C-alpha atoms as a PDB file:
ATOM      1  CA  MET A   1     102.413 115.744  86.577  1.00  0.00           C
ATOM      2  CA  GLU A   2     104.493 114.288  89.392  1.00  0.00           C
ATOM      3  CA  LYS A   3     103.285 111.648  91.057  1.00  0.00           C
ATOM      4  CA  THR A   4     102.676 112.006  95.308  1.00  0.00           C
ATOM      5  CA  THR A   5     104.212 109.354  95.733  1.00  0.00           C
ATOM      6  CA  GLU A   6     107.654 110.570  93.990  1.00  0.00           C
ATOM      7  CA  GLN A   7     107.235 113.455  95.378  1.00  0.00           C
ATOM      8  CA  ASP A   8     109.840 115.074  97.846  1.00  0.00           C
ATOM      9  CA  SER A   9     109.740 113.715 101.481  1.00  0.00           C
ATOM     10  CA  ARG A  10     108.401 116.414 103.734  1.00  0.00           C
ATOM     11  CA  TYR A  11     111.297 115.746 106.559  1.00  0.00           C
ATOM     12  CA  ASN A  12     114.760 116.340 105.387  1.00  0.00           C
ATOM     13  CA  ASN A  13     118.418 116.030 107.002  1.00  0.00           C
ATOM     14  CA  LEU A  14     116.700 112.595 108.025  1.00  0.00           C
ATOM     15  CA  GLU A  15     120.543 111.288 108.806  1.00  0.00           C
ATOM     16  CA  GLN A  16     121.083 114.186 111.620  1.00  0.00           C
ATOM     17  CA  MET A  17     117.663 113.223 113.334  1.00  0.00           C
ATOM     18  CA  PRO A  18     117.636 111.800 116.384  1.00  0.00           C
ATOM     19  CA  VAL A  19     116.692 108.373 116.505  1.00  0.00           C
ATOM     20  CA  LEU A  20     112.867 109.922 118.627  1.00  0.00           C
ATOM     21  CA  GLU A  21     112.586 112.319 116.004  1.00  0.00           C
ATOM     22  CA  ILE A  22     112.858 109.421 113.362  1.00  0.00           C
ATOM     23  CA  LEU A  23     110.817 107.528 114.970  1.00  0.00           C
ATOM     24  CA  GLN A  24     107.699 110.671 115.576  1.00  0.00           C
ATOM     25  CA  GLY A  25     107.957 111.515 112.263  1.00  0.00           C
ATOM     26  CA  ILE A  26     107.457 108.235 110.620  1.00  0.00           C
ATOM     27  CA  ASN A  27     104.034 107.329 113.523  1.00  0.00           C
ATOM     28  CA  ARG A  28     103.074 110.737 112.569  1.00  0.00           C
ATOM     29  CA  GLU A  29     103.260 109.825 108.878  1.00  0.00           C
ATOM     30  CA  ASP A  30     101.272 106.638 109.156  1.00  0.00           C
ATOM     31  CA  HIS A  31      98.614 108.133 111.030  1.00  0.00           C
ATOM     32  CA  THR A  32      97.418 109.931 107.952  1.00  0.00           C
ATOM     33  CA  VAL A  33      96.605 106.682 106.307  1.00  0.00           C
ATOM     34  CA  PRO A  34      93.675 105.542 107.493  1.00  0.00           C
ATOM     35  CA  ASP A  35      91.855 109.530 106.698  1.00  0.00           C
ATOM     36  CA  ALA A  36      92.821 108.342 102.515  1.00  0.00           C
ATOM     37  CA  ILE A  37      91.422 105.084 103.236  1.00  0.00           C
ATOM     38  CA  ALA A  38      88.511 106.435 104.372  1.00  0.00           C
ATOM     39  CA  LYS A  39      87.868 108.484 101.606  1.00  0.00           C
ATOM     40  CA  ALA A  40      88.353 105.987  99.393  1.00  0.00           C
ATOM     41  CA  LEU A  41      85.855 103.484 100.863  1.00  0.00           C
ATOM     42  CA  PRO A  42      83.169 104.333  98.340  1.00  0.00           C
ATOM     43  CA  GLN A  43      85.327 102.652  95.427  1.00  0.00           C
ATOM     44  CA  ILE A  44      86.339 100.023  98.216  1.00  0.00           C
ATOM     45  CA  GLU A  45      82.433  98.777  98.213  1.00  0.00           C
ATOM     46  CA  LYS A  46      82.435  98.857  94.116  1.00  0.00           C
ATOM     47  CA  LEU A  47      85.567  96.355  94.652  1.00  0.00           C
ATOM     48  CA  VAL A  48      84.301  94.031  97.058  1.00  0.00           C
ATOM     49  CA  THR A  49      80.459  93.982  96.501  1.00  0.00           C
ATOM     50  CA  ILE A  50      81.139  92.721  92.347  1.00  0.00           C
ATOM     51  CA  THR A  51      84.223  90.620  94.016  1.00  0.00           C
ATOM     52  CA  ALA A  52      82.175  88.290  96.389  1.00  0.00           C
ATOM     53  CA  GLU A  53      79.580  88.250  93.345  1.00  0.00           C
ATOM     54  CA  LYS A  54      81.705  86.547  90.960  1.00  0.00           C
ATOM     55  CA  MET A  55      83.440  84.446  93.585  1.00  0.00           C
ATOM     56  CA  LYS A  56      79.684  83.356  95.367  1.00  0.00           C
ATOM     57  CA  ALA A  57      79.223  81.962  91.889  1.00  0.00           C
ATOM     58  CA  GLY A  58      82.186  79.493  91.762  1.00  0.00           C
ATOM     59  CA  GLY A  59      84.849  82.790  90.463  1.00  0.00           C
ATOM     60  CA  ARG A  60      88.562  83.277  91.978  1.00  0.00           C
ATOM     61  CA  LEU A  61      90.388  86.197  93.276  1.00  0.00           C
ATOM     62  CA  PHE A  62      93.743  86.698  91.588  1.00  0.00           C
ATOM     63  CA  TYR A  63      95.977  89.561  92.418  1.00  0.00           C
ATOM     64  CA  ILE A  64      98.847  90.702  90.418  1.00  0.00           C
ATOM     65  CA  GLY A  65     101.749  92.795  91.814  1.00  0.00           C
ATOM     66  CA  ALA A  66     105.952  93.937  91.692  1.00  0.00           C
ATOM     67  CA  GLY A  67     107.691  95.118  94.447  1.00  0.00           C
ATOM     68  CA  THR A  68     106.235  95.346  98.016  1.00  0.00           C
ATOM     69  CA  SER A  69     102.724  95.706  95.923  1.00  0.00           C
ATOM     70  CA  GLY A  70     103.107  91.876  94.954  1.00  0.00           C
ATOM     71  CA  ARG A  71     104.477  90.585  98.367  1.00  0.00           C
ATOM     72  CA  LEU A  72     101.627  92.265  99.315  1.00  0.00           C
ATOM     73  CA  GLY A  73      99.474  90.485  97.578  1.00  0.00           C
ATOM     74  CA  VAL A  74     100.917  87.432  98.020  1.00  0.00           C
ATOM     75  CA  VAL A  75     100.268  87.781 102.061  1.00  0.00           C
ATOM     76  CA  ASP A  76      96.701  88.318 101.463  1.00  0.00           C
ATOM     77  CA  ALA A  77      96.336  85.817  99.004  1.00  0.00           C
ATOM     78  CA  SER A  78      98.738  82.916 101.062  1.00  0.00           C
ATOM     79  CA  GLU A  79      96.491  84.176 104.659  1.00  0.00           C
ATOM     80  CA  CYS A  80      93.194  83.012 103.736  1.00  0.00           C
ATOM     81  CA  PRO A  81      93.203  79.368 103.923  1.00  0.00           C
ATOM     82  CA  PRO A  82      93.980  78.741 106.967  1.00  0.00           C
ATOM     83  CA  THR A  83      92.880  81.723 107.981  1.00  0.00           C
ATOM     84  CA  PHE A  84      89.337  80.477 106.506  1.00  0.00           C
ATOM     85  CA  GLY A  85      89.434  77.443 105.451  1.00  0.00           C
ATOM     86  CA  VAL A  86      89.273  77.777 101.368  1.00  0.00           C
ATOM     87  CA  PRO A  87      90.779  76.003  99.052  1.00  0.00           C
ATOM     88  CA  PHE A  88      94.841  77.179  98.710  1.00  0.00           C
ATOM     89  CA  ASP A  89      93.603  78.172  95.112  1.00  0.00           C
ATOM     90  CA  LEU A  90      90.492  80.591  95.798  1.00  0.00           C
ATOM     91  CA  VAL A  91      92.386  83.639  96.555  1.00  0.00           C
ATOM     92  CA  VAL A  92      95.679  83.498  94.359  1.00  0.00           C
ATOM     93  CA  GLY A  93      98.917  86.097  95.188  1.00  0.00           C
ATOM     94  CA  ILE A  94     101.527  86.579  91.644  1.00  0.00           C
ATOM     95  CA  MET A  95     104.249  88.643  91.925  1.00  0.00           C
ATOM     96  CA  ALA A  96     106.430  89.902  88.513  1.00  0.00           C
ATOM     97  CA  GLY A  97     109.682  87.926  88.594  1.00  0.00           C
ATOM     98  CA  GLY A  98     107.378  84.526  90.277  1.00  0.00           C
ATOM     99  CA  ASP A  99     108.166  83.094  93.829  1.00  0.00           C
ATOM    100  CA  GLY A 100     111.710  84.047  93.986  1.00  0.00           C
ATOM    101  CA  ALA A 101     111.022  87.677  93.863  1.00  0.00           C
ATOM    102  CA  ILE A 102     108.776  87.391  97.098  1.00  0.00           C
ATOM    103  CA  ARG A 103     112.419  87.265  98.594  1.00  0.00           C
ATOM    104  CA  LYS A 104     114.900  88.738  96.407  1.00  0.00           C
ATOM    105  CA  ALA A 105     113.672  91.205  93.352  1.00  0.00           C
ATOM    106  CA  VAL A 106     114.081  90.575  90.010  1.00  0.00           C
ATOM    107  CA  GLU A 107     115.361  92.632  88.036  1.00  0.00           C
ATOM    108  CA  PHE A 108     113.285  94.744  85.690  1.00  0.00           C
ATOM    109  CA  ALA A 109     110.731  91.907  85.760  1.00  0.00           C
ATOM    110  CA  GLU A 110     108.251  94.099  86.494  1.00  0.00           C
ATOM    111  CA  ASP A 111     108.780  95.876  83.195  1.00  0.00           C
ATOM    112  CA  ASP A 112     107.353  93.408  81.028  1.00  0.00           C
ATOM    113  CA  THR A 113     104.429  94.091  79.634  1.00  0.00           C
ATOM    114  CA  GLU A 114     103.062  90.486  78.994  1.00  0.00           C
ATOM    115  CA  GLN A 115     104.304  88.221  81.550  1.00  0.00           C
ATOM    116  CA  ALA A 116     101.631  89.140  83.922  1.00  0.00           C
ATOM    117  CA  TRP A 117      98.976  87.693  81.810  1.00  0.00           C
ATOM    118  CA  LYS A 118     101.226  84.465  81.287  1.00  0.00           C
ATOM    119  CA  ASP A 119     101.803  84.030  84.690  1.00  0.00           C
ATOM    120  CA  LEU A 120      97.570  84.127  84.577  1.00  0.00           C
ATOM    121  CA  ALA A 121      96.913  81.985  81.608  1.00  0.00           C
ATOM    122  CA  ALA A 122      98.499  79.195  84.011  1.00  0.00           C
ATOM    123  CA  TYR A 123      96.071  79.056  86.715  1.00  0.00           C
ATOM    124  CA  LYS A 124      93.570  79.548  83.472  1.00  0.00           C
ATOM    125  CA  ILE A 125      91.482  82.013  84.327  1.00  0.00           C
ATOM    126  CA  SER A 126      88.114  83.026  82.829  1.00  0.00           C
ATOM    127  CA  ASP A 127      85.283  85.500  82.805  1.00  0.00           C
ATOM    128  CA  LYS A 128      84.253  83.923  85.969  1.00  0.00           C
ATOM    129  CA  ASP A 129      87.518  85.141  88.063  1.00  0.00           C
ATOM    130  CA  VAL A 130      88.234  88.977  89.352  1.00  0.00           C
ATOM    131  CA  LEU A 131      91.608  90.170  88.976  1.00  0.00           C
ATOM    132  CA  VAL A 132      93.089  93.010  91.780  1.00  0.00           C
ATOM    133  CA  GLY A 133      96.206  95.155  90.124  1.00  0.00           C
ATOM    134  CA  ILE A 134      98.011  96.025  92.536  1.00  0.00           C
ATOM    135  CA  ALA A 135     100.941  99.235  92.038  1.00  0.00           C
ATOM    136  CA  ALA A 136     101.521 102.387  94.902  1.00  0.00           C
ATOM    137  CA  SER A 137     102.962 103.702  91.815  1.00  0.00           C
ATOM    138  CA  GLY A 138      99.845 103.033  89.759  1.00  0.00           C
ATOM    139  CA  SER A 139     102.011 102.563  87.056  1.00  0.00           C
ATOM    140  CA  THR A 140     103.768  99.434  86.904  1.00  0.00           C
ATOM    141  CA  PRO A 141     103.869  98.122  83.299  1.00  0.00           C
ATOM    142  CA  TYR A 142     103.023  94.419  84.498  1.00  0.00           C
ATOM    143  CA  VAL A 143     100.079  95.605  86.231  1.00  0.00           C
ATOM    144  CA  ILE A 144      99.194  97.627  82.827  1.00  0.00           C
ATOM    145  CA  GLY A 145      99.362  94.577  80.931  1.00  0.00           C
ATOM    146  CA  GLY A 146      97.885  92.260  82.576  1.00  0.00           C
ATOM    147  CA  LEU A 147      94.807  94.008  83.527  1.00  0.00           C
ATOM    148  CA  LYS A 148      94.442  95.455  79.486  1.00  0.00           C
ATOM    149  CA  LYS A 149      94.464  91.520  78.485  1.00  0.00           C
ATOM    150  CA  ALA A 150      91.646  90.522  81.056  1.00  0.00           C
ATOM    151  CA  ASN A 151      89.509  93.166  79.822  1.00  0.00           C
ATOM    152  CA  GLN A 152      89.470  91.313  76.318  1.00  0.00           C
ATOM    153  CA  HIS A 153      88.926  88.411  77.550  1.00  0.00           C
ATOM    154  CA  ASN A 154      85.728  90.199  80.080  1.00  0.00           C
ATOM    155  CA  ILE A 155      87.109  89.390  83.398  1.00  0.00           C
ATOM    156  CA  VAL A 156      86.188  91.858  86.310  1.00  0.00           C
ATOM    157  CA  THR A 157      89.293  94.043  87.240  1.00  0.00           C
ATOM    158  CA  GLY A 158      90.230  96.054  90.059  1.00  0.00           C
ATOM    159  CA  CYS A 159      93.585  98.072  91.675  1.00  0.00           C
ATOM    160  CA  ILE A 160      94.897  99.193  94.400  1.00  0.00           C
ATOM    161  CA  VAL A 161      96.571 102.054  93.932  1.00  0.00           C
ATOM    162  CA  CYS A 162      98.180 105.162  95.670  1.00  0.00           C
ATOM    163  CA  ASN A 163      98.385 107.465  93.072  1.00  0.00           C
ATOM    164  CA  SER A 164      95.183 109.553  90.843  1.00  0.00           C
ATOM    165  CA  GLY A 165      94.870 109.465  87.543  1.00  0.00           C
ATOM    166  CA  SER A 166      97.219 106.565  86.703  1.00  0.00           C
ATOM    167  CA  PRO A 167      97.296 104.301  84.465  1.00  0.00           C
ATOM    168  CA  VAL A 168      96.715 101.358  86.463  1.00  0.00           C
ATOM    169  CA  ALA A 169      93.602 102.795  87.627  1.00  0.00           C
ATOM    170  CA  ALA A 170      92.276 103.759  83.605  1.00  0.00           C
ATOM    171  CA  ALA A 171      93.077  99.917  82.442  1.00  0.00           C
ATOM    172  CA  ALA A 172      91.216  98.666  85.688  1.00  0.00           C
ATOM    173  CA  LYS A 173      86.812  99.042  85.725  1.00  0.00           C
ATOM    174  CA  TYR A 174      87.039  99.075  89.638  1.00  0.00           C
ATOM    175  CA  PRO A 175      89.574 101.511  90.860  1.00  0.00           C
ATOM    176  CA  VAL A 176      90.526 101.973  94.510  1.00  0.00           C
ATOM    177  CA  GLU A 177      92.946 104.641  94.356  1.00  0.00           C
ATOM    178  CA  VAL A 178      94.147 105.676  98.171  1.00  0.00           C
ATOM    179  CA  ILE A 179      96.454 108.622  98.008  1.00  0.00           C
ATOM    180  CA  VAL A 180      98.734 109.061 101.062  1.00  0.00           C
ATOM    181  CA  GLY A 181     101.343 111.734  99.783  1.00  0.00           C
ATOM    182  CA  PRO A 182     105.031 111.567  99.773  1.00  0.00           C
ATOM    183  CA  GLU A 183     106.845 108.983 101.994  1.00  0.00           C
ATOM    184  CA  PHE A 184     108.719 109.846 105.192  1.00  0.00           C
ATOM    185  CA  LEU A 185     111.576 108.367 102.982  1.00  0.00           C
ATOM    186  CA  THR A 186     111.374 110.043  99.300  1.00  0.00           C
ATOM    187  CA  GLY A 187     109.761 107.388  96.995  1.00  0.00           C
ATOM    188  CA  SER A 188     110.163 105.049  99.754  1.00  0.00           C
ATOM    189  CA  THR A 189     106.134 103.545  98.735  1.00  0.00           C
ATOM    190  CA  ARG A 190     106.977  99.970 100.817  1.00  0.00           C
ATOM    191  CA  MET A 191     106.502 103.017 104.172  1.00  0.00           C
ATOM    192  CA  LYS A 192     102.414 104.499 103.519  1.00  0.00           C
ATOM    193  CA  ALA A 193     101.572 103.361 100.941  1.00  0.00           C
ATOM    194  CA  GLY A 194     102.628  99.872 101.491  1.00  0.00           C
ATOM    195  CA  THR A 195     100.427 100.411 104.889  1.00  0.00           C
ATOM    196  CA  ALA A 196      97.788 101.249 102.866  1.00  0.00           C
ATOM    197  CA  GLN A 197      97.388  99.151 100.352  1.00  0.00           C
ATOM    198  CA  LYS A 198      97.448  95.791 103.298  1.00  0.00           C
ATOM    199  CA  LEU A 199      94.893  97.471 105.010  1.00  0.00           C
ATOM    200  CA  VAL A 200      92.924  97.873 101.744  1.00  0.00           C
ATOM    201  CA  LEU A 201      93.574  93.704 101.173  1.00  0.00           C
ATOM    202  CA  ASN A 202      92.709  93.209 104.318  1.00  0.00           C
ATOM    203  CA  MET A 203      89.301  94.722 103.894  1.00  0.00           C
ATOM    204  CA  LEU A 204      88.433  92.956 100.913  1.00  0.00           C
ATOM    205  CA  SER A 205      89.290  89.840 101.373  1.00  0.00           C
ATOM    206  CA  THR A 206      87.941  89.548 105.302  1.00  0.00           C
ATOM    207  CA  THR A 207      84.571  91.574 104.001  1.00  0.00           C
ATOM    208  CA  VAL A 208      84.410  89.082 100.732  1.00  0.00           C
ATOM    209  CA  MET A 209      85.307  85.547 103.225  1.00  0.00           C
ATOM    210  CA  ILE A 210      82.311  87.251 105.139  1.00  0.00           C
ATOM    211  CA  GLN A 211      79.733  87.248 102.476  1.00  0.00           C
ATOM    212  CA  LEU A 212      80.410  83.655 101.258  1.00  0.00           C
ATOM    213  CA  GLY A 213      79.819  83.144 105.097  1.00  0.00           C
ATOM    214  CA  ARG A 214      82.767  82.161 106.366  1.00  0.00           C
ATOM    215  CA  VAL A 215      82.527  83.699 109.307  1.00  0.00           C
ATOM    216  CA  LYS A 216      80.067  83.683 112.413  1.00  0.00           C
ATOM    217  CA  GLY A 217      79.001  86.642 114.567  1.00  0.00           C
ATOM    218  CA  ASN A 218      83.020  87.367 114.829  1.00  0.00           C
ATOM    219  CA  LYS A 219      84.592  84.391 114.778  1.00  0.00           C
ATOM    220  CA  MET A 220      86.914  82.381 112.464  1.00  0.00           C
ATOM    221  CA  VAL A 221      84.690  79.174 112.686  1.00  0.00           C
ATOM    222  CA  ASP A 222      86.392  77.458 109.520  1.00  0.00           C
ATOM    223  CA  MET A 223      90.238  78.232 110.260  1.00  0.00           C
ATOM    224  CA  GLN A 224      92.762  75.504 109.371  1.00  0.00           C
ATOM    225  CA  LEU A 225      93.977  74.407 113.342  1.00  0.00           C
ATOM    226  CA  THR A 226      97.937  74.061 111.998  1.00  0.00           C
ATOM    227  CA  ASN A 227      98.960  75.008 115.676  1.00  0.00           C
ATOM    228  CA  HIS A 228      98.230  74.491 119.579  1.00  0.00           C
ATOM    229  CA  LYS A 229      97.361  78.513 119.597  1.00  0.00           C
ATOM    230  CA  LEU A 230      94.662  77.812 116.905  1.00  0.00           C
ATOM    231  CA  VAL A 231      93.091  74.869 118.792  1.00  0.00           C
ATOM    232  CA  ASP A 232      92.560  76.495 121.886  1.00  0.00           C
ATOM    233  CA  ARG A 233      91.272  78.772 119.936  1.00  0.00           C
ATOM    234  CA  GLY A 234      89.124  76.933 118.660  1.00  0.00           C
ATOM    235  CA  THR A 235      88.047  74.976 121.897  1.00  0.00           C
ATOM    236  CA  HIS A 236      87.471  78.243 123.027  1.00  0.00           C
ATOM    237  CA  MET A 237      84.599  78.803 120.263  1.00  0.00           C
ATOM    238  CA  VAL A 238      82.956  75.298 120.572  1.00  0.00           C
ATOM    239  CA  MET A 239      82.852  75.664 124.053  1.00  0.00           C
ATOM    240  CA  ASN A 240      80.893  79.333 123.537  1.00  0.00           C
ATOM    241  CA  TYR A 241      78.871  77.544 120.658  1.00  0.00           C
ATOM    242  CA  THR A 242      78.040  74.482 122.832  1.00  0.00           C
ATOM    243  CA  GLY A 243      77.877  74.858 126.554  1.00  0.00           C
ATOM    244  CA  LEU A 244      80.730  71.741 126.476  1.00  0.00           C
ATOM    245  CA  PRO A 245      83.556  71.961 128.792  1.00  0.00           C
ATOM    246  CA  ALA A 246      87.158  72.414 127.469  1.00  0.00           C
ATOM    247  CA  GLU A 247      88.065  68.388 126.916  1.00  0.00           C
ATOM    248  CA  LYS A 248      84.944  67.254 125.648  1.00  0.00           C
ATOM    249  CA  ALA A 249      85.275  70.586 123.287  1.00  0.00           C
ATOM    250  CA  ALA A 250      88.549  69.693 122.254  1.00  0.00           C
ATOM    251  CA  GLU A 251      87.390  66.254 121.580  1.00  0.00           C
ATOM    252  CA  LEU A 252      84.905  67.456 119.303  1.00  0.00           C
ATOM    253  CA  LEU A 253      86.770  70.289 117.582  1.00  0.00           C
ATOM    254  CA  LEU A 254      90.200  67.320 117.120  1.00  0.00           C
ATOM    255  CA  LYS A 255      87.197  64.990 115.295  1.00  0.00           C
ATOM    256  CA  HIS A 256      85.667  67.281 112.982  1.00  0.00           C
ATOM    257  CA  GLY A 257      88.445  69.504 112.034  1.00  0.00           C
ATOM    258  CA  SER A 258      86.835  72.791 112.474  1.00  0.00           C
ATOM    259  CA  VAL A 259      84.674  74.810 114.923  1.00  0.00           C
ATOM    260  CA  ARG A 260      82.049  74.886 112.320  1.00  0.00           C
ATOM    261  CA  LYS A 261      81.659  71.122 111.890  1.00  0.00           C
ATOM    262  CA  ALA A 262      82.189  70.211 115.042  1.00  0.00           C
ATOM    263  CA  VAL A 263      79.237  72.730 116.819  1.00  0.00           C
ATOM    264  CA  GLU A 264      77.237  71.511 113.608  1.00  0.00           C
ATOM    265  CA  GLU A 265      77.435  67.954 114.558  1.00  0.00           C
ATOM    266  CA  TYR A 266      76.951  68.846 118.210  1.00  0.00           C
ATOM    267  CA  MET A 267      73.487  70.287 117.613  1.00  0.00           C
ATOM    268  CA  GLN A 268      72.305  67.867 115.297  1.00  0.00           C
ATOM    269  CA  ALA A 269      73.132  65.026 118.252  1.00  0.00           C
ATOM    270  CA  LYS A 270      71.056  66.965 120.698  1.00  0.00           C
END
């Protein structure tokens, strides 16, 4: 069966299209992505729920992938510490070919069925953890091999794929299948498929962090204060929670290093 991600684009003669027509076509296709994700929400709910359970018990979340899919996993993992104040090794993104492949493709790295488990073993992955394979095609050997090996070690496995009935989904205990259909540019899964994967990753990590208590109300109270913009945002949060003027709120925030700690200290001192 032909993969939907490899089917011919609904658009032809792209090189002859005016710029606006190209942009309209891409935008039209992008609009279909949220609807495809909506159909997968029950699958996403199951993956989020089991991931939160394992992480509440001290587990970690691992992503593995190749190419665009691998890069998206690395991005999501790297954004968790500054956003939620968690340790850098709580959510780990690993991609075929190593970190160098983030910038420059490593030939045939995704075709090695054994390498993913070797990469994961370096982190001492165990049955306390969760492994999510990311593969638009659903057929990446690197991801399939990693998931199958993890299953043998009784590790919770999930996936995010963009074709139905794929080998990657078959290897995952908690598969998420977001079927976005043919790309505007035939086979270019960095487009709709990549967008879908990014949105699902946003859902997964954000919802899990909320379940782990890393959000208060709707605020990132544990975010790292790594630049002036974030210090300013944190100061306004402290002001809202405590009623302190800006100068006092900023002083309290910088003393304690996070909105949560600053507010807790203030409340205890009252």
